[in-house]
């Protein structure tokens, strides 16, 4: 089952729930304040392709950590 990201409108807590796709938009309560004003977020991922000779490139029009947006900063390099 995949994990989905949510945020609570009452306390701004961000959290993940493991749910089947059929339950993706079912009501959820915030684990911090137990509030009911919770919204699903769009997940951000970074994907990289390792090529010949050790080259690394972002796949899918971007990636990286969000700071460099290309996988070239020290933070991204530590993930490869």
PDB file of N, CA and C in Angstrom:
ATOM      1  N   UNK A   1       0.838  -1.181   0.000  1.00  0.00           N
ATOM      2  CA  UNK A   1       0.000   0.000   0.000  1.00  0.00           C
ATOM      3  C   UNK A   1       0.885   1.247   0.000  1.00  0.00           C
ATOM      4  N   UNK A   2       0.531   2.255  -0.757  1.00  0.00           N
ATOM      5  CA  UNK A   2       1.339   3.478  -0.804  1.00  0.00           C
ATOM      6  C   UNK A   2       1.044   4.416   0.370  1.00  0.00           C
ATOM      7  N   UNK A   3       1.985   5.319   0.596  1.00  0.00           N
ATOM      8  CA  UNK A   3       1.813   6.373   1.592  1.00  0.00           C
ATOM      9  C   UNK A   3       1.362   7.640   0.876  1.00  0.00           C
ATOM     10  N   UNK A   4       0.474   8.395   1.515  1.00  0.00           N
ATOM     11  CA  UNK A   4       0.004   9.673   0.984  1.00  0.00           C
ATOM     12  C   UNK A   4       0.263  10.750   2.018  1.00  0.00           C
ATOM     13  N   UNK A   5       0.564  11.966   1.549  1.00  0.00           N
ATOM     14  CA  UNK A   5       0.884  13.082   2.432  1.00  0.00           C
ATOM     15  C   UNK A   5      -0.343  13.947   2.656  1.00  0.00           C
ATOM     16  N   UNK A   6      -0.508  14.388   3.901  1.00  0.00           N
ATOM     17  CA  UNK A   6      -1.640  15.224   4.297  1.00  0.00           C
ATOM     18  C   UNK A   6      -1.134  16.374   5.151  1.00  0.00           C
ATOM     19  N   UNK A   7      -1.949  17.439   5.255  1.00  0.00           N
ATOM     20  CA  UNK A   7      -1.636  18.553   6.140  1.00  0.00           C
ATOM     21  C   UNK A   7      -2.915  18.959   6.864  1.00  0.00           C
ATOM     22  N   UNK A   8      -2.770  19.303   8.138  1.00  0.00           N
ATOM     23  CA  UNK A   8      -3.897  19.733   8.959  1.00  0.00           C
ATOM     24  C   UNK A   8      -4.048  21.247   8.843  1.00  0.00           C
ATOM     25  N   UNK A   9      -5.235  21.712   8.503  1.00  0.00           N
ATOM     26  CA  UNK A   9      -5.491  23.151   8.376  1.00  0.00           C
ATOM     27  C   UNK A   9      -5.559  23.825   9.746  1.00  0.00           C
ATOM     28  N   UNK A  10      -5.804  23.055  10.807  1.00  0.00           N
ATOM     29  CA  UNK A  10      -5.928  23.636  12.140  1.00  0.00           C
ATOM     30  C   UNK A  10      -4.565  23.921  12.778  1.00  0.00           C
ATOM     31  N   UNK A  11      -3.631  22.963  12.691  1.00  0.00           N
ATOM     32  CA  UNK A  11      -2.338  23.143  13.367  1.00  0.00           C
ATOM     33  C   UNK A  11      -1.141  23.101  12.416  1.00  0.00           C
ATOM     34  N   UNK A  12      -1.370  22.934  11.125  1.00  0.00           N
ATOM     35  CA  UNK A  12      -0.344  22.901  10.074  1.00  0.00           C
ATOM     36  C   UNK A  12       0.592  21.705  10.157  1.00  0.00           C
ATOM     37  N   UNK A  13       0.217  20.668  10.904  1.00  0.00           N
ATOM     38  CA  UNK A  13       1.024  19.456  10.978  1.00  0.00           C
ATOM     39  C   UNK A  13       0.963  18.714   9.650  1.00  0.00           C
ATOM     40  N   UNK A  14       2.119  18.309   9.150  1.00  0.00           N
ATOM     41  CA  UNK A  14       2.184  17.496   7.940  1.00  0.00           C
ATOM     42  C   UNK A  14       2.444  16.055   8.363  1.00  0.00           C
ATOM     43  N   UNK A  15       1.727  15.116   7.761  1.00  0.00           N
ATOM     44  CA  UNK A  15       1.876  13.721   8.135  1.00  0.00           C
ATOM     45  C   UNK A  15       1.553  12.827   6.955  1.00  0.00           C
ATOM     46  N   UNK A  16       1.911  11.554   7.078  1.00  0.00           N
ATOM     47  CA  UNK A  16       1.659  10.565   6.034  1.00  0.00           C
ATOM     48  C   UNK A  16       0.710   9.497   6.557  1.00  0.00           C
ATOM     49  N   UNK A  17      -0.100   8.965   5.657  1.00  0.00           N
ATOM     50  CA  UNK A  17      -0.968   7.839   5.975  1.00  0.00           C
ATOM     51  C   UNK A  17      -0.761   6.757   4.936  1.00  0.00           C
ATOM     52  N   UNK A  18      -0.704   5.524   5.382  1.00  0.00           N
ATOM     53  CA  UNK A  18      -0.597   4.376   4.482  1.00  0.00           C
ATOM     54  C   UNK A  18      -2.021   3.928   4.179  1.00  0.00           C
ATOM     55  N   UNK A  19      -2.427   4.099   2.915  1.00  0.00           N
ATOM     56  CA  UNK A  19      -3.805   3.799   2.518  1.00  0.00           C
ATOM     57  C   UNK A  19      -3.847   3.168   1.142  1.00  0.00           C
ATOM     58  N   UNK A  20      -4.886   2.360   0.916  1.00  0.00           N
ATOM     59  CA  UNK A  20      -5.091   1.847  -0.437  1.00  0.00           C
ATOM     60  C   UNK A  20      -5.632   2.997  -1.292  1.00  0.00           C
ATOM     61  N   UNK A  21      -5.469   2.891  -2.583  1.00  0.00           N
ATOM     62  CA  UNK A  21      -5.858   3.979  -3.478  1.00  0.00           C
ATOM     63  C   UNK A  21      -7.354   4.277  -3.406  1.00  0.00           C
ATOM     64  N   UNK A  22      -8.170   3.284  -3.084  1.00  0.00           N
ATOM     65  CA  UNK A  22      -9.619   3.498  -2.976  1.00  0.00           C
ATOM     66  C   UNK A  22      -9.976   4.382  -1.786  1.00  0.00           C
ATOM     67  N   UNK A  23      -9.085   4.485  -0.806  1.00  0.00           N
ATOM     68  CA  UNK A  23      -9.351   5.280   0.408  1.00  0.00           C
ATOM     69  C   UNK A  23      -8.560   6.574   0.450  1.00  0.00           C
ATOM     70  N   UNK A  24      -7.951   6.952  -0.662  1.00  0.00           N
ATOM     71  CA  UNK A  24      -7.049   8.102  -0.696  1.00  0.00           C
ATOM     72  C   UNK A  24      -7.694   9.395  -0.176  1.00  0.00           C
ATOM     73  N   UNK A  25      -8.956   9.624  -0.480  1.00  0.00           N
ATOM     74  CA  UNK A  25      -9.621  10.861  -0.056  1.00  0.00           C
ATOM     75  C   UNK A  25     -10.650  10.642   1.052  1.00  0.00           C
ATOM     76  N   UNK A  26     -10.592   9.494   1.720  1.00  0.00           N
ATOM     77  CA  UNK A  26     -11.466   9.276   2.874  1.00  0.00           C
ATOM     78  C   UNK A  26     -11.104  10.267   3.978  1.00  0.00           C
ATOM     79  N   UNK A  27     -12.041  10.613   4.834  1.00  0.00           N
ATOM     80  CA  UNK A  27     -11.745  11.544   5.931  1.00  0.00           C
ATOM     81  C   UNK A  27     -10.597  11.030   6.805  1.00  0.00           C
ATOM     82  N   UNK A  28      -9.800  11.967   7.303  1.00  0.00           N
ATOM     83  CA  UNK A  28      -8.679  11.634   8.180  1.00  0.00           C
ATOM     84  C   UNK A  28      -8.627  12.644   9.315  1.00  0.00           C
ATOM     85  N   UNK A  29      -8.110  12.215  10.444  1.00  0.00           N
ATOM     86  CA  UNK A  29      -7.914  13.108  11.580  1.00  0.00           C
ATOM     87  C   UNK A  29      -6.428  13.355  11.761  1.00  0.00           C
ATOM     88  N   UNK A  30      -6.082  14.559  12.169  1.00  0.00           N
ATOM     89  CA  UNK A  30      -4.698  14.934  12.420  1.00  0.00           C
ATOM     90  C   UNK A  30      -4.174  14.155  13.632  1.00  0.00           C
ATOM     91  N   UNK A  31      -2.984  13.553  13.521  1.00  0.00           N
ATOM     92  CA  UNK A  31      -2.436  12.820  14.659  1.00  0.00           C
ATOM     93  C   UNK A  31      -1.977  13.733  15.798  1.00  0.00           C
ATOM     94  N   UNK A  32      -1.738  15.022  15.511  1.00  0.00           N
ATOM     95  CA  UNK A  32      -1.261  15.948  16.543  1.00  0.00           C
ATOM     96  C   UNK A  32      -2.401  16.574  17.338  1.00  0.00           C
ATOM     97  N   UNK A  33      -3.388  17.145  16.621  1.00  0.00           N
ATOM     98  CA  UNK A  33      -4.460  17.874  17.319  1.00  0.00           C
ATOM     99  C   UNK A  33      -5.814  17.177  17.189  1.00  0.00           C
ATOM    100  N   UNK A  34      -5.858  16.090  16.448  1.00  0.00           N
ATOM    101  CA  UNK A  34      -7.082  15.314  16.190  1.00  0.00           C
ATOM    102  C   UNK A  34      -8.136  16.105  15.416  1.00  0.00           C
ATOM    103  N   UNK A  35      -7.697  17.188  14.753  1.00  0.00           N
ATOM    104  CA  UNK A  35      -8.598  17.987  13.933  1.00  0.00           C
ATOM    105  C   UNK A  35      -9.077  17.226  12.710  1.00  0.00           C
ATOM    106  N   UNK A  36     -10.203  17.667  12.174  1.00  0.00           N
ATOM    107  CA  UNK A  36     -10.807  17.005  11.019  1.00  0.00           C
ATOM    108  C   UNK A  36     -10.590  17.772   9.719  1.00  0.00           C
ATOM    109  N   UNK A  37      -9.947  18.932   9.754  1.00  0.00           N
ATOM    110  CA  UNK A  37      -9.722  19.748   8.562  1.00  0.00           C
ATOM    111  C   UNK A  37      -8.381  19.373   7.937  1.00  0.00           C
ATOM    112  N   UNK A  38      -8.374  18.228   7.280  1.00  0.00           N
ATOM    113  CA  UNK A  38      -7.156  17.652   6.722  1.00  0.00           C
ATOM    114  C   UNK A  38      -7.280  17.597   5.204  1.00  0.00           C
ATOM    115  N   UNK A  39      -6.206  17.943   4.501  1.00  0.00           N
ATOM    116  CA  UNK A  39      -6.207  17.914   3.039  1.00  0.00           C
ATOM    117  C   UNK A  39      -5.012  17.115   2.533  1.00  0.00           C
ATOM    118  N   UNK A  40      -5.239  16.331   1.488  1.00  0.00           N
ATOM    119  CA  UNK A  40      -4.156  15.577   0.867  1.00  0.00           C
ATOM    120  C   UNK A  40      -3.267  16.528   0.088  1.00  0.00           C
ATOM    121  N   UNK A  41      -1.958  16.297   0.130  1.00  0.00           N
ATOM    122  CA  UNK A  41      -0.975  17.120  -0.558  1.00  0.00           C
ATOM    123  C   UNK A  41      -0.439  16.398  -1.784  1.00  0.00           C
ATOM    124  N   UNK A  42       0.110  17.142  -2.700  1.00  0.00           N
ATOM    125  CA  UNK A  42       0.793  16.551  -3.851  1.00  0.00           C
ATOM    126  C   UNK A  42       2.214  16.238  -3.418  1.00  0.00           C
ATOM    127  N   UNK A  43       2.600  14.995  -3.559  1.00  0.00           N
ATOM    128  CA  UNK A  43       3.932  14.561  -3.149  1.00  0.00           C
ATOM    129  C   UNK A  43       4.978  15.014  -4.150  1.00  0.00           C
ATOM    130  N   UNK A  44       6.145  15.381  -3.632  1.00  0.00           N
ATOM    131  CA  UNK A  44       7.273  15.760  -4.474  1.00  0.00           C
ATOM    132  C   UNK A  44       8.311  14.659  -4.366  1.00  0.00           C
ATOM    133  N   UNK A  45       8.804  14.230  -5.511  1.00  0.00           N
ATOM    134  CA  UNK A  45       9.840  13.204  -5.518  1.00  0.00           C
ATOM    135  C   UNK A  45      10.991  13.656  -6.393  1.00  0.00           C
ATOM    136  N   UNK A  46      12.125  13.057  -6.185  1.00  0.00           N
ATOM    137  CA  UNK A  46      13.283  13.304  -7.034  1.00  0.00           C
ATOM    138  C   UNK A  46      13.728  11.967  -7.600  1.00  0.00           C
ATOM    139  N   UNK A  47      13.901  11.911  -8.904  1.00  0.00           N
ATOM    140  CA  UNK A  47      14.340  10.684  -9.554  1.00  0.00           C
ATOM    141  C   UNK A  47      15.611  10.962 -10.336  1.00  0.00           C
ATOM    142  N   UNK A  48      16.562  10.042 -10.249  1.00  0.00           N
ATOM    143  CA  UNK A  48      17.843  10.217 -10.913  1.00  0.00           C
ATOM    144  C   UNK A  48      18.162   8.988 -11.734  1.00  0.00           C
ATOM    145  N   UNK A  49      18.888   9.198 -12.817  1.00  0.00           N
ATOM    146  CA  UNK A  49      19.349   8.112 -13.669  1.00  0.00           C
ATOM    147  C   UNK A  49      20.871   8.079 -13.617  1.00  0.00           C
ATOM    148  N   UNK A  50      21.429   6.904 -13.372  1.00  0.00           N
ATOM    149  CA  UNK A  50      22.882   6.741 -13.353  1.00  0.00           C
ATOM    150  C   UNK A  50      23.308   6.227 -14.716  1.00  0.00           C
ATOM    151  N   UNK A  51      24.113   7.008 -15.402  1.00  0.00           N
ATOM    152  CA  UNK A  51      24.557   6.637 -16.743  1.00  0.00           C
ATOM    153  C   UNK A  51      25.934   6.012 -16.744  1.00  0.00           C
ATOM    154  N   UNK A  52      26.424   5.763 -17.943  1.00  0.00           N
ATOM    155  CA  UNK A  52      27.754   5.194 -18.097  1.00  0.00           C
ATOM    156  C   UNK A  52      28.800   6.182 -17.596  1.00  0.00           C
ATOM    157  N   UNK A  53      29.855   5.672 -17.044  1.00  0.00           N
ATOM    158  CA  UNK A  53      30.935   6.532 -16.573  1.00  0.00           C
ATOM    159  C   UNK A  53      30.616   7.238 -15.268  1.00  0.00           C
ATOM    160  N   UNK A  54      29.539   6.850 -14.603  1.00  0.00           N
ATOM    161  CA  UNK A  54      29.209   7.436 -13.305  1.00  0.00           C
ATOM    162  C   UNK A  54      28.418   8.722 -13.373  1.00  0.00           C
ATOM    163  N   UNK A  55      27.990   9.135 -14.562  1.00  0.00           N
ATOM    164  CA  UNK A  55      27.219  10.378 -14.655  1.00  0.00           C
ATOM    165  C   UNK A  55      25.829  10.182 -14.040  1.00  0.00           C
ATOM    166  N   UNK A  56      25.321  11.254 -13.448  1.00  0.00           N
ATOM    167  CA  UNK A  56      23.999  11.243 -12.827  1.00  0.00           C
ATOM    168  C   UNK A  56      23.194  12.385 -13.415  1.00  0.00           C
ATOM    169  N   UNK A  57      21.954  12.093 -13.812  1.00  0.00           N
ATOM    170  CA  UNK A  57      21.102  13.154 -14.337  1.00  0.00           C
ATOM    171  C   UNK A  57      19.701  13.011 -13.769  1.00  0.00           C
ATOM    172  N   UNK A  58      19.033  14.155 -13.615  1.00  0.00           N
ATOM    173  CA  UNK A  58      17.656  14.161 -13.121  1.00  0.00           C
ATOM    174  C   UNK A  58      16.737  13.622 -14.207  1.00  0.00           C
ATOM    175  N   UNK A  59      15.702  12.899 -13.787  1.00  0.00           N
ATOM    176  CA  UNK A  59      14.740  12.310 -14.705  1.00  0.00           C
ATOM    177  C   UNK A  59      13.395  12.974 -14.484  1.00  0.00           C
ATOM    178  N   UNK A  60      12.667  13.234 -15.533  1.00  0.00           N
ATOM    179  CA  UNK A  60      11.311  13.760 -15.397  1.00  0.00           C
ATOM    180  C   UNK A  60      11.244  15.263 -15.234  1.00  0.00           C
ATOM    181  N   UNK A  61      12.184  15.989 -15.788  1.00  0.00           N
ATOM    182  CA  UNK A  61      12.097  17.443 -15.796  1.00  0.00           C
ATOM    183  C   UNK A  61      12.462  18.111 -14.497  1.00  0.00           C
ATOM    184  N   UNK A  62      13.417  17.616 -13.804  1.00  0.00           N
ATOM    185  CA  UNK A  62      13.836  18.291 -12.573  1.00  0.00           C
ATOM    186  C   UNK A  62      14.286  17.279 -11.567  1.00  0.00           C
ATOM    187  N   UNK A  63      14.037  17.590 -10.337  1.00  0.00           N
ATOM    188  CA  UNK A  63      14.467  16.716  -9.261  1.00  0.00           C
ATOM    189  C   UNK A  63      15.347  17.494  -8.331  1.00  0.00           C
ATOM    190  N   UNK A  64      16.233  16.819  -7.723  1.00  0.00           N
ATOM    191  CA  UNK A  64      17.100  17.467  -6.766  1.00  0.00           C
ATOM    192  C   UNK A  64      16.388  17.673  -5.447  1.00  0.00           C
ATOM    193  N   UNK A  65      16.974  18.477  -4.634  1.00  0.00           N
ATOM    194  CA  UNK A  65      16.447  18.670  -3.287  1.00  0.00           C
ATOM    195  C   UNK A  65      15.472  19.836  -3.212  1.00  0.00           C
ATOM    196  N   UNK A  66      15.317  20.565  -4.269  1.00  0.00           N
ATOM    197  CA  UNK A  66      14.472  21.750  -4.247  1.00  0.00           C
ATOM    198  C   UNK A  66      15.305  23.018  -4.183  1.00  0.00           C
ATOM    199  N   UNK A  67      16.505  22.903  -3.616  1.00  0.00           N
ATOM    200  CA  UNK A  67      17.389  24.056  -3.536  1.00  0.00           C
ATOM    201  C   UNK A  67      18.116  24.299  -4.834  1.00  0.00           C
ATOM    202  N   UNK A  68      18.636  23.221  -5.422  1.00  0.00           N
ATOM    203  CA  UNK A  68      19.387  23.374  -6.670  1.00  0.00           C
ATOM    204  C   UNK A  68      18.534  22.993  -7.881  1.00  0.00           C
ATOM    205  N   UNK A  69      17.470  22.220  -7.654  1.00  0.00           N
ATOM    206  CA  UNK A  69      16.541  21.782  -8.698  1.00  0.00           C
ATOM    207  C   UNK A  69      17.206  21.009  -9.822  1.00  0.00           C
ATOM    208  N   UNK A  70      18.336  20.428  -9.552  1.00  0.00           N
ATOM    209  CA  UNK A  70      18.969  19.672 -10.610  1.00  0.00           C
ATOM    210  C   UNK A  70      19.846  18.544 -10.121  1.00  0.00           C
ATOM    211  N   UNK A  71      19.944  18.374  -8.825  1.00  0.00           N
ATOM    212  CA  UNK A  71      20.727  17.280  -8.295  1.00  0.00           C
ATOM    213  C   UNK A  71      22.222  17.547  -8.257  1.00  0.00           C
ATOM    214  N   UNK A  72      22.641  18.819  -8.266  1.00  0.00           N
ATOM    215  CA  UNK A  72      24.060  19.118  -8.330  1.00  0.00           C
ATOM    216  C   UNK A  72      24.649  19.681  -7.050  1.00  0.00           C
ATOM    217  N   UNK A  73      23.826  19.960  -6.051  1.00  0.00           N
ATOM    218  CA  UNK A  73      24.379  20.527  -4.816  1.00  0.00           C
ATOM    219  C   UNK A  73      24.881  19.410  -3.893  1.00  0.00           C
ATOM    220  N   UNK A  74      25.551  19.761  -2.824  1.00  0.00           N
ATOM    221  CA  UNK A  74      26.079  18.779  -1.883  1.00  0.00           C
ATOM    222  C   UNK A  74      25.008  17.925  -1.245  1.00  0.00           C
ATOM    223  N   UNK A  75      23.845  18.505  -1.008  1.00  0.00           N
ATOM    224  CA  UNK A  75      22.744  17.746  -0.393  1.00  0.00           C
ATOM    225  C   UNK A  75      22.271  16.648  -1.328  1.00  0.00           C
ATOM    226  N   UNK A  76      22.134  16.939  -2.606  1.00  0.00           N
ATOM    227  CA  UNK A  76      21.699  15.937  -3.578  1.00  0.00           C
ATOM    228  C   UNK A  76      22.784  14.891  -3.785  1.00  0.00           C
ATOM    229  N   UNK A  77      24.035  15.317  -3.833  1.00  0.00           N
ATOM    230  CA  UNK A  77      25.136  14.390  -4.083  1.00  0.00           C
ATOM    231  C   UNK A  77      25.227  13.347  -2.991  1.00  0.00           C
ATOM    232  N   UNK A  78      24.843  13.688  -1.769  1.00  0.00           N
ATOM    233  CA  UNK A  78      24.918  12.713  -0.676  1.00  0.00           C
ATOM    234  C   UNK A  78      23.854  11.649  -0.793  1.00  0.00           C
ATOM    235  N   UNK A  79      22.840  11.866  -1.610  1.00  0.00           N
ATOM    236  CA  UNK A  79      21.771  10.888  -1.811  1.00  0.00           C
ATOM    237  C   UNK A  79      22.086   9.909  -2.920  1.00  0.00           C
ATOM    238  N   UNK A  80      23.083  10.206  -3.732  1.00  0.00           N
ATOM    239  CA  UNK A  80      23.412   9.349  -4.889  1.00  0.00           C
ATOM    240  C   UNK A  80      24.386   8.278  -4.513  1.00  0.00           C
TER     241      UNK A  80
END
